Amino acid sequence: MHSDQQRPVLGVISCNRDVEGQAAQAVMTRYLVSALTYADAAGLLVPAMPGLMHAKEVATRLDGLLLTGTPSNLDPKRYGELVDDAPGPFDPDRDEMTARLIEAMLEAGKPVFGICRGFQELNVAFGGTLRRDMAEHPELIPHHAPDDKSFSEFFEHIHPVRLIEGGVLHNAYKEDEIDIVSVHYQGVDKLGSGLKVEAVAPDGVVEAISTQVNGAPVLAVQWHPEWKANENPQSQVFFQLLGRALRGDKLSA
């Protein structure tokens, strides 16, 4: 059991999911276990229900925000691409709630961390765009397992990333390269304004980003540090950085 000592409170965005035919607000448990364990924080789930609540109502009560990965994709209209054939599924209420939460948290000088979709949401929030051609682009390495693989095999798809010298991650890992769990079909096209590249894949695809807004650290990775983090000390480092940020560390490199 944890002591009564007050720990920082991490907000974790929910998604709109179908659970046995019922509409539900859901977060995959692995994100919560990894974040709350290795950031040493308490957690609150934030519903993706922008029609019923304002992000600013929640932001004042949180010490930081985690934007998780999820099967849904950002609607391309969010980054100015009016296309009808973009691959779904979509979660427009998460799109809206996350955009407002990012704005409210950073306005209040509170840290925001992202994983996978959360990484993409942050890039778009800073004016960036996404590429949706990664599954079939011949010049890119595979960033996900073949579609016929099982769920667990998807999360066994690993490739290296190079950590950019002078970055927050390079400073934390004290290594030039780490192996990461990669499960994504989309990625950064145009980098958001003011974002710093923290890591790149062997094909040059941006894999991690950071910045600071009003003294608040922003850090996001395209990979999945939450997957079996208890078996992977390198994955734990991401959440330890989150824990430091929740306690007021600026995470400057």
Protein backbone atom coordinates (compact mmCIF):
# COMPACT_ATOMS: atom_id res chain seq x y z
CA MET A 1 0.00 0.00 0.00
CA HIS A 2 1.08 3.57 -0.62
CA SER A 3 1.56 5.98 2.21
CA ASP A 4 -0.85 8.82 2.91
CA GLN A 5 1.70 11.25 1.58
CA GLN A 6 0.11 13.32 -1.17
CA ARG A 7 1.37 12.29 -4.58
CA PRO A 8 0.86 14.28 -7.79
CA VAL A 9 -2.31 13.57 -9.75
CA LEU A 10 -1.97 12.51 -13.37
CA GLY A 11 -4.91 12.99 -15.70
CA VAL A 12 -5.23 10.26 -18.34
CA ILE A 13 -7.44 10.85 -21.37
CA SER A 14 -10.20 8.32 -22.00
CA CYS A 15 -11.47 7.13 -25.36
CA ASN A 16 -14.98 6.49 -26.61
CA ARG A 17 -15.17 2.73 -27.01
CA ASP A 18 -17.83 0.11 -27.51
CA VAL A 19 -17.89 -2.37 -24.63
CA GLU A 20 -20.31 -5.23 -25.21
CA GLY A 21 -22.56 -3.00 -27.27
CA GLN A 22 -22.56 -0.16 -24.75
CA ALA A 23 -20.87 3.20 -25.18
CA ALA A 24 -18.02 3.49 -22.68
CA GLN A 25 -15.18 5.74 -21.60
CA ALA A 26 -12.14 3.50 -21.58
CA VAL A 27 -8.39 3.46 -21.03
CA MET A 28 -6.32 0.34 -21.50
CA THR A 29 -5.10 -0.73 -18.05
CA ARG A 30 -1.48 -1.14 -19.16
CA TYR A 31 -1.11 2.65 -19.58
CA LEU A 32 -2.35 3.25 -16.04
CA VAL A 33 -0.26 0.53 -14.42
CA SER A 34 2.94 1.71 -16.13
CA ALA A 35 2.34 5.42 -15.56
CA LEU A 36 1.15 5.25 -11.97
CA THR A 37 3.86 2.77 -10.99
CA TYR A 38 6.92 4.39 -12.55
CA ALA A 39 5.83 8.03 -12.30
CA ASP A 40 4.78 7.27 -8.69
CA ALA A 41 1.54 9.20 -9.09
CA ALA A 42 -2.18 8.97 -8.47
CA GLY A 43 -4.43 8.93 -11.54
CA LEU A 44 -7.72 10.37 -12.71
CA LEU A 45 -9.43 9.38 -15.96
CA VAL A 46 -10.63 12.33 -18.02
CA PRO A 47 -13.74 11.58 -20.10
CA ALA A 48 -13.57 12.46 -23.78
CA MET A 49 -16.91 14.25 -23.55
CA PRO A 50 -16.35 17.84 -24.68
CA GLY A 51 -20.09 18.45 -24.97
CA LEU A 52 -20.54 17.89 -21.23
CA MET A 53 -17.42 19.40 -19.73
CA HIS A 54 -14.73 21.99 -20.38
CA ALA A 55 -11.04 21.12 -20.36
CA LYS A 56 -10.27 24.11 -18.14
CA GLU A 57 -12.56 22.72 -15.44
CA VAL A 58 -10.32 19.66 -15.22
CA ALA A 59 -6.90 21.20 -15.89
CA THR A 60 -6.88 23.16 -12.64
CA ARG A 61 -7.26 19.89 -10.69
CA LEU A 62 -4.45 17.97 -12.40
CA ASP A 63 -0.68 18.08 -12.01
CA GLY A 64 -0.08 16.71 -15.49
CA LEU A 65 -1.71 14.94 -18.43
CA LEU A 66 -0.99 11.70 -20.29
CA LEU A 67 -2.39 11.20 -23.80
CA THR A 68 -2.45 7.47 -24.52
CA GLY A 69 -2.31 5.38 -27.63
CA THR A 70 -5.55 3.86 -28.96
CA PRO A 71 -6.83 2.21 -32.15
CA SER A 72 -8.56 5.36 -33.42
CA ASN A 73 -6.88 7.87 -35.74
CA LEU A 74 -6.98 11.64 -35.68
CA ASP A 75 -9.45 13.10 -38.15
CA PRO A 76 -7.30 14.66 -40.93
CA LYS A 77 -9.53 17.75 -40.82
CA ARG A 78 -7.78 18.48 -37.54
CA TYR A 79 -4.59 19.16 -39.48
CA GLY A 80 -6.19 20.81 -42.48
CA GLU A 81 -6.52 17.89 -44.88
CA LEU A 82 -10.03 17.59 -46.27
CA VAL A 83 -9.97 13.97 -47.45
CA ASP A 84 -12.79 11.45 -47.48
CA ASP A 85 -10.74 8.25 -47.71
CA ALA A 86 -8.63 8.54 -44.55
CA PRO A 87 -8.40 5.28 -42.60
CA GLY A 88 -10.41 5.12 -39.37
CA PRO A 89 -11.71 4.37 -36.89
CA PHE A 90 -12.18 7.91 -35.60
CA ASP A 91 -13.02 9.36 -32.19
CA PRO A 92 -13.99 13.01 -32.82
CA ASP A 93 -14.83 13.68 -29.17
CA ARG A 94 -11.36 12.54 -28.11
CA ASP A 95 -9.89 14.77 -30.85
CA GLU A 96 -11.77 17.76 -29.46
CA MET A 97 -11.23 17.03 -25.77
CA THR A 98 -7.53 16.39 -26.22
CA ALA A 99 -6.99 19.57 -28.22
CA ARG A 100 -8.71 21.60 -25.50
CA LEU A 101 -6.87 19.78 -22.70
CA ILE A 102 -3.46 20.38 -24.27
CA GLU A 103 -4.31 24.07 -24.57
CA ALA A 104 -5.63 24.33 -20.99
CA MET A 105 -2.77 22.39 -19.39
CA LEU A 106 -0.02 24.32 -21.15
CA GLU A 107 -1.74 27.62 -20.46
CA ALA A 108 -1.60 26.64 -16.78
CA GLY A 109 2.07 25.65 -17.08
CA LYS A 110 1.44 21.94 -16.47
CA PRO A 111 3.24 19.05 -18.22
CA VAL A 112 1.73 17.03 -21.06
CA PHE A 113 3.12 13.64 -22.14
CA GLY A 114 2.02 11.59 -25.13
CA ILE A 115 2.26 8.00 -26.37
CA CYS A 116 1.50 6.95 -29.98
CA ARG A 117 -1.81 8.71 -30.78
CA GLY A 118 -0.96 11.16 -28.00
CA PHE A 119 2.32 11.94 -29.78
CA GLN A 120 0.37 12.62 -32.99
CA GLU A 121 -2.16 14.79 -31.13
CA LEU A 122 0.62 16.92 -29.71
CA ASN A 123 2.28 17.35 -33.09
CA VAL A 124 -1.06 18.50 -34.55
CA ALA A 125 -1.74 20.79 -31.56
CA PHE A 126 1.47 22.65 -32.41
CA GLY A 127 0.42 23.07 -36.05
CA GLY A 128 2.02 19.93 -37.48
CA THR A 129 0.54 17.40 -39.88
CA LEU A 130 0.48 13.61 -40.14
CA ARG A 131 1.34 11.19 -42.91
CA ARG A 132 -1.01 8.28 -43.49
CA ASP A 133 1.11 6.36 -46.04
CA MET A 134 3.48 4.59 -43.68
CA ALA A 135 1.98 1.13 -44.15
CA GLU A 136 2.83 0.99 -47.86
CA HIS A 137 5.67 3.47 -48.37
CA PRO A 138 8.59 1.57 -49.98
CA GLU A 139 11.33 3.77 -48.51
CA LEU A 140 10.26 3.29 -44.89
CA ILE A 141 11.12 0.47 -42.53
CA PRO A 142 8.12 -1.45 -41.17
CA HIS A 143 6.71 0.52 -38.23
CA HIS A 144 4.22 -2.20 -37.36
CA ALA A 145 3.94 -5.98 -37.59
CA PRO A 146 2.17 -7.60 -40.58
CA ASP A 147 -1.62 -7.39 -40.30
CA ASP A 148 -2.03 -11.15 -39.93
CA LYS A 149 -0.13 -11.22 -36.65
CA SER A 150 -1.77 -11.64 -33.24
CA PHE A 151 -2.23 -8.76 -30.80
CA SER A 152 0.76 -9.77 -28.69
CA GLU A 153 2.90 -10.27 -31.81
CA PHE A 154 2.10 -6.68 -32.80
CA PHE A 155 3.79 -5.56 -29.61
CA GLU A 156 6.82 -7.73 -30.31
CA HIS A 157 7.64 -5.57 -33.35
CA ILE A 158 10.81 -3.76 -32.34
CA HIS A 159 13.19 -1.42 -34.14
CA PRO A 160 15.92 0.95 -32.97
CA VAL A 161 15.67 4.72 -32.70
CA ARG A 162 18.52 7.19 -32.53
CA LEU A 163 18.31 9.66 -29.66
CA ILE A 164 19.22 13.21 -30.66
CA GLU A 165 22.23 14.55 -28.80
CA GLY A 166 21.32 17.27 -26.33
CA GLY A 167 17.72 16.12 -26.02
CA VAL A 168 15.74 15.22 -22.92
CA LEU A 169 15.72 11.53 -23.84
CA HIS A 170 19.41 11.40 -24.72
CA ASN A 171 20.16 13.05 -21.41
CA ALA A 172 17.96 10.58 -19.52
CA TYR A 173 19.12 7.41 -21.26
CA LYS A 174 22.76 8.43 -21.72
CA GLU A 175 22.71 6.28 -24.84
CA ASP A 176 22.71 7.12 -28.54
CA GLU A 177 20.28 4.37 -29.52
CA ILE A 178 17.53 2.34 -27.87
CA ASP A 179 15.16 -0.38 -29.11
CA ILE A 180 11.46 0.47 -29.01
CA VAL A 181 8.09 -1.27 -29.48
CA SER A 182 6.57 0.12 -32.67
CA VAL A 183 2.87 -0.22 -33.57
CA HIS A 184 1.82 2.69 -35.79
CA TYR A 185 0.49 3.21 -39.31
CA GLN A 186 0.67 7.00 -39.27
CA GLY A 187 3.36 9.44 -38.23
CA VAL A 188 4.73 12.96 -38.41
CA ASP A 189 4.70 14.63 -41.80
CA LYS A 190 5.29 18.30 -40.99
CA LEU A 191 6.72 18.86 -37.52
CA GLY A 192 4.70 21.16 -35.28
CA SER A 193 6.02 24.67 -34.66
CA GLY A 194 8.50 24.93 -31.80
CA LEU A 195 8.80 21.18 -31.32
CA LYS A 196 12.24 19.66 -30.97
CA VAL A 197 12.99 16.23 -32.44
CA GLU A 198 14.08 13.86 -29.67
CA ALA A 199 14.46 10.60 -31.61
CA VAL A 200 14.37 9.31 -35.18
CA ALA A 201 13.95 5.87 -36.73
CA PRO A 202 16.60 4.50 -39.14
CA ASP A 203 14.46 5.77 -42.07
CA GLY A 204 14.36 9.32 -40.65
CA VAL A 205 10.79 9.16 -39.32
CA VAL A 206 10.39 11.35 -36.22
CA GLU A 207 9.79 9.10 -33.20
CA ALA A 208 9.85 11.51 -30.23
CA ILE A 209 9.31 15.23 -29.66
CA SER A 210 9.67 17.73 -26.84
CA THR A 211 9.23 21.38 -25.99
CA GLN A 212 8.43 23.67 -23.08
CA VAL A 213 5.44 26.00 -22.81
CA ASN A 214 5.09 28.39 -19.87
CA GLY A 215 7.74 26.34 -18.09
CA ALA A 216 5.79 23.11 -18.59
CA PRO A 217 7.58 20.17 -20.22
CA VAL A 218 5.99 18.47 -23.23
CA LEU A 219 7.39 15.05 -24.14
CA ALA A 220 5.89 12.47 -26.47
CA VAL A 221 6.99 9.23 -28.11
CA GLN A 222 5.54 7.44 -31.11
CA TRP A 223 6.37 4.08 -29.56
CA HIS A 224 4.82 2.08 -26.68
CA PRO A 225 6.82 2.31 -23.44
CA GLU A 226 3.76 1.11 -21.50
CA TRP A 227 3.94 -2.37 -23.06
CA LYS A 228 5.38 -4.74 -20.43
CA ALA A 229 7.21 -1.83 -18.81
CA ASN A 230 7.81 -4.00 -15.75
CA GLU A 231 10.14 -6.12 -17.93
CA ASN A 232 11.89 -3.21 -19.61
CA PRO A 233 13.95 -0.71 -17.58
CA GLN A 234 14.32 1.50 -20.67
CA SER A 235 10.54 1.86 -20.91
CA GLN A 236 10.39 2.77 -17.24
CA VAL A 237 12.63 5.78 -17.91
CA PHE A 238 9.85 7.49 -19.91
CA PHE A 239 7.46 7.27 -16.96
CA GLN A 240 10.17 8.28 -14.49
CA LEU A 241 10.57 11.46 -16.56
CA LEU A 242 6.80 11.91 -16.30
CA GLY A 243 7.07 11.57 -12.52
CA ARG A 244 9.77 14.23 -12.40
CA ALA A 245 7.69 16.57 -14.57
CA LEU A 246 4.65 16.08 -12.31
CA ARG A 247 6.80 17.25 -9.41
CA GLY A 248 7.91 20.45 -11.16
CA ASP A 249 11.11 19.33 -12.91
CA LYS A 250 11.49 21.27 -16.18
CA LEU A 251 13.34 18.32 -17.80
CA SER A 252 15.72 20.61 -19.63
CA ALA A 253 18.35 18.60 -21.45
